[in-house]
C-alpha cells in the first residue's frame, strides 16, 4: 500500500524554524507532492505543492517564509519553514498524487508559541 512517512514536527518559538520531511513508498508513480495543514476548527488548507519537474505553488501566507523541495531519486518531499508564526500552528499533512488519486500521511504536529 502507499505510505507517506512524515517527520520533523515539533514545538518552536515564534521566529524559529522547522524542516518537515516526507518519504513516499508503495507506488511506481510519484506525481505532484505537497504539504497541507489543518488548525483546530478550520478547514484543511494548501501550504505548498511541487510537481515532479519542480514547479511550485505556495499559499500567500507562507510564500516568503517556506520552501518546498523534492528528491525524485529518493521519493521524498521536504518543507523548510522559517520565521514561524503562531498562525502556523497546525497539523501538517504530506500528500502525493499517484494514479490520479491523492494520498495522505498521518500528519505531524507543528506548534509555534512563546
C-alpha atoms as a PDB file:
ATOM      1  CA  UNK A   1       0.000   0.000   0.000  1.00  0.00           C
ATOM      2  CA  UNK A   2       1.010   3.626  -0.464  1.00  0.00           C
ATOM      3  CA  UNK A   3       2.719   5.035   2.608  1.00  0.00           C
ATOM      4  CA  UNK A   4       3.753   8.584   3.448  1.00  0.00           C
ATOM      5  CA  UNK A   5       6.050   8.813   6.449  1.00  0.00           C
ATOM      6  CA  UNK A   6       6.268  12.314   7.909  1.00  0.00           C
ATOM      7  CA  UNK A   7       8.847  13.623  10.340  1.00  0.00           C
ATOM      8  CA  UNK A   8      10.248  16.874  11.691  1.00  0.00           C
ATOM      9  CA  UNK A   9       7.298  18.338  13.545  1.00  0.00           C
ATOM     10  CA  UNK A  10       7.596  19.816  16.995  1.00  0.00           C
ATOM     11  CA  UNK A  11       7.300  22.936  19.115  1.00  0.00           C
ATOM     12  CA  UNK A  12       9.198  26.140  18.412  1.00  0.00           C
ATOM     13  CA  UNK A  13       9.103  29.778  19.446  1.00  0.00           C
ATOM     14  CA  UNK A  14       7.908  32.488  17.063  1.00  0.00           C
ATOM     15  CA  UNK A  15      10.636  33.302  14.579  1.00  0.00           C
ATOM     16  CA  UNK A  16      12.080  29.815  14.753  1.00  0.00           C
ATOM     17  CA  UNK A  17      12.500  27.225  12.024  1.00  0.00           C
ATOM     18  CA  UNK A  18      11.499  23.641  11.356  1.00  0.00           C
ATOM     19  CA  UNK A  19      12.097  21.280   8.474  1.00  0.00           C
ATOM     20  CA  UNK A  20       9.425  18.717   7.689  1.00  0.00           C
ATOM     21  CA  UNK A  21      10.274  15.621   5.686  1.00  0.00           C
ATOM     22  CA  UNK A  22       8.130  13.005   3.992  1.00  0.00           C
ATOM     23  CA  UNK A  23       9.166   9.724   2.419  1.00  0.00           C
ATOM     24  CA  UNK A  24       6.748   8.098  -0.006  1.00  0.00           C
ATOM     25  CA  UNK A  25       6.639   4.429  -0.902  1.00  0.00           C
ATOM     26  CA  UNK A  26       4.323   1.785  -2.271  1.00  0.00           C
ATOM     27  CA  UNK A  27       3.814   3.098  -5.800  1.00  0.00           C
ATOM     28  CA  UNK A  28       5.751   3.375  -9.038  1.00  0.00           C
ATOM     29  CA  UNK A  29       4.126   6.680  -9.964  1.00  0.00           C
ATOM     30  CA  UNK A  30       5.098   9.777  -7.995  1.00  0.00           C
ATOM     31  CA  UNK A  31       3.244  12.806  -9.275  1.00  0.00           C
ATOM     32  CA  UNK A  32       2.704  16.142  -7.591  1.00  0.00           C
ATOM     33  CA  UNK A  33       3.588  16.164  -3.897  1.00  0.00           C
ATOM     34  CA  UNK A  34       2.722  18.710  -1.308  1.00  0.00           C
ATOM     35  CA  UNK A  35       2.019  19.833   2.195  1.00  0.00           C
ATOM     36  CA  UNK A  36      -1.339  20.817   3.627  1.00  0.00           C
ATOM     37  CA  UNK A  37      -2.240  21.864   7.141  1.00  0.00           C
ATOM     38  CA  UNK A  38      -5.266  21.932   9.381  1.00  0.00           C
ATOM     39  CA  UNK A  39      -5.678  24.001  12.518  1.00  0.00           C
ATOM     40  CA  UNK A  40      -8.322  23.139  15.138  1.00  0.00           C
ATOM     41  CA  UNK A  41     -11.778  24.185  13.963  1.00  0.00           C
ATOM     42  CA  UNK A  42     -10.578  25.127  10.493  1.00  0.00           C
ATOM     43  CA  UNK A  43     -10.567  23.508   7.065  1.00  0.00           C
ATOM     44  CA  UNK A  44      -7.513  21.834   5.646  1.00  0.00           C
ATOM     45  CA  UNK A  45      -5.615  24.332   3.527  1.00  0.00           C
ATOM     46  CA  UNK A  46      -2.857  24.274   0.961  1.00  0.00           C
ATOM     47  CA  UNK A  47       0.620  25.139   2.188  1.00  0.00           C
ATOM     48  CA  UNK A  48       2.728  24.261  -0.845  1.00  0.00           C
ATOM     49  CA  UNK A  49       2.887  21.814  -3.742  1.00  0.00           C
ATOM     50  CA  UNK A  50       5.629  20.756  -6.105  1.00  0.00           C
ATOM     51  CA  UNK A  51       5.378  18.921  -9.410  1.00  0.00           C
ATOM     52  CA  UNK A  52       7.731  16.183 -10.470  1.00  0.00           C
ATOM     53  CA  UNK A  53       9.650  18.619 -12.678  1.00  0.00           C
ATOM     54  CA  UNK A  54       9.992  21.162  -9.865  1.00  0.00           C
ATOM     55  CA  UNK A  55       7.142  23.602 -10.402  1.00  0.00           C
ATOM     56  CA  UNK A  56       5.961  25.063  -7.091  1.00  0.00           C
ATOM     57  CA  UNK A  57       2.850  26.664  -5.680  1.00  0.00           C
ATOM     58  CA  UNK A  58       2.574  28.354  -2.281  1.00  0.00           C
ATOM     59  CA  UNK A  59      -0.155  29.800  -0.154  1.00  0.00           C
ATOM     60  CA  UNK A  60       0.213  33.573   0.013  1.00  0.00           C
ATOM     61  CA  UNK A  61       0.627  33.392   3.777  1.00  0.00           C
ATOM     62  CA  UNK A  62       3.796  31.273   3.548  1.00  0.00           C
ATOM     63  CA  UNK A  63       5.317  32.211   0.181  1.00  0.00           C
ATOM     64  CA  UNK A  64       8.100  34.380   1.603  1.00  0.00           C
ATOM     65  CA  UNK A  65       8.916  32.059   4.501  1.00  0.00           C
ATOM     66  CA  UNK A  66       8.533  28.423   3.409  1.00  0.00           C
ATOM     67  CA  UNK A  67      10.335  26.439   0.727  1.00  0.00           C
ATOM     68  CA  UNK A  68       9.186  23.113  -0.667  1.00  0.00           C
ATOM     69  CA  UNK A  69      11.601  20.726  -2.367  1.00  0.00           C
ATOM     70  CA  UNK A  70      11.682  17.135  -3.551  1.00  0.00           C
ATOM     71  CA  UNK A  71      14.162  14.434  -4.436  1.00  0.00           C
ATOM     72  CA  UNK A  72      12.803  12.235  -7.197  1.00  0.00           C
ATOM     73  CA  UNK A  73      15.556   9.663  -6.705  1.00  0.00           C
ATOM     74  CA  UNK A  74      14.583   9.172  -3.056  1.00  0.00           C
ATOM     75  CA  UNK A  75      10.844   9.854  -3.425  1.00  0.00           C
ATOM     76  CA  UNK A  76      10.906  12.448  -0.682  1.00  0.00           C
ATOM     77  CA  UNK A  77       9.486  15.925  -0.234  1.00  0.00           C
ATOM     78  CA  UNK A  78      10.616  18.476   2.338  1.00  0.00           C
ATOM     79  CA  UNK A  79       9.207  21.718   3.673  1.00  0.00           C
ATOM     80  CA  UNK A  80      11.644  24.221   5.136  1.00  0.00           C
ATOM     81  CA  UNK A  81       9.725  26.581   7.404  1.00  0.00           C
ATOM     82  CA  UNK A  82      11.399  29.791   8.541  1.00  0.00           C
ATOM     83  CA  UNK A  83      10.181  32.792  10.516  1.00  0.00           C
ATOM     84  CA  UNK A  84       7.400  30.730  12.023  1.00  0.00           C
ATOM     85  CA  UNK A  85       4.363  32.485  13.455  1.00  0.00           C
ATOM     86  CA  UNK A  86       1.697  31.389  15.899  1.00  0.00           C
ATOM     87  CA  UNK A  87      -0.744  31.228  12.970  1.00  0.00           C
ATOM     88  CA  UNK A  88       1.360  28.417  11.506  1.00  0.00           C
ATOM     89  CA  UNK A  89       0.308  26.122  14.349  1.00  0.00           C
ATOM     90  CA  UNK A  90      -1.478  23.144  12.804  1.00  0.00           C
ATOM     91  CA  UNK A  91      -1.222  19.505  11.899  1.00  0.00           C
ATOM     92  CA  UNK A  92       0.774  19.280   8.689  1.00  0.00           C
ATOM     93  CA  UNK A  93      -0.040  16.547   6.186  1.00  0.00           C
ATOM     94  CA  UNK A  94       2.178  15.242   3.426  1.00  0.00           C
ATOM     95  CA  UNK A  95       0.361  14.423   0.194  1.00  0.00           C
ATOM     96  CA  UNK A  96       1.094  12.582  -3.026  1.00  0.00           C
ATOM     97  CA  UNK A  97      -0.851  12.313  -6.266  1.00  0.00           C
ATOM     98  CA  UNK A  98      -0.432   8.870  -7.754  1.00  0.00           C
ATOM     99  CA  UNK A  99      -2.521   7.241 -10.493  1.00  0.00           C
ATOM    100  CA  UNK A 100      -4.998  10.096 -10.336  1.00  0.00           C
ATOM    101  CA  UNK A 101      -5.631   9.743  -6.592  1.00  0.00           C
ATOM    102  CA  UNK A 102      -4.424  11.900  -3.716  1.00  0.00           C
ATOM    103  CA  UNK A 103      -2.824  10.005  -0.831  1.00  0.00           C
ATOM    104  CA  UNK A 104      -2.242  11.447   2.632  1.00  0.00           C
ATOM    105  CA  UNK A 105       0.087  10.857   5.524  1.00  0.00           C
ATOM    106  CA  UNK A 106      -0.923  10.646   9.158  1.00  0.00           C
ATOM    107  CA  UNK A 107       0.114  14.219   9.875  1.00  0.00           C
ATOM    108  CA  UNK A 108       2.691  15.801  12.149  1.00  0.00           C
ATOM    109  CA  UNK A 109       2.003  18.492  14.737  1.00  0.00           C
ATOM    110  CA  UNK A 110       3.678  21.892  14.463  1.00  0.00           C
ATOM    111  CA  UNK A 111       3.205  24.220  17.419  1.00  0.00           C
ATOM    112  CA  UNK A 112       4.515  27.784  17.439  1.00  0.00           C
ATOM    113  CA  UNK A 113       4.210  29.556  20.770  1.00  0.00           C
ATOM    114  CA  UNK A 114       6.199  31.600  23.228  1.00  0.00           C
END
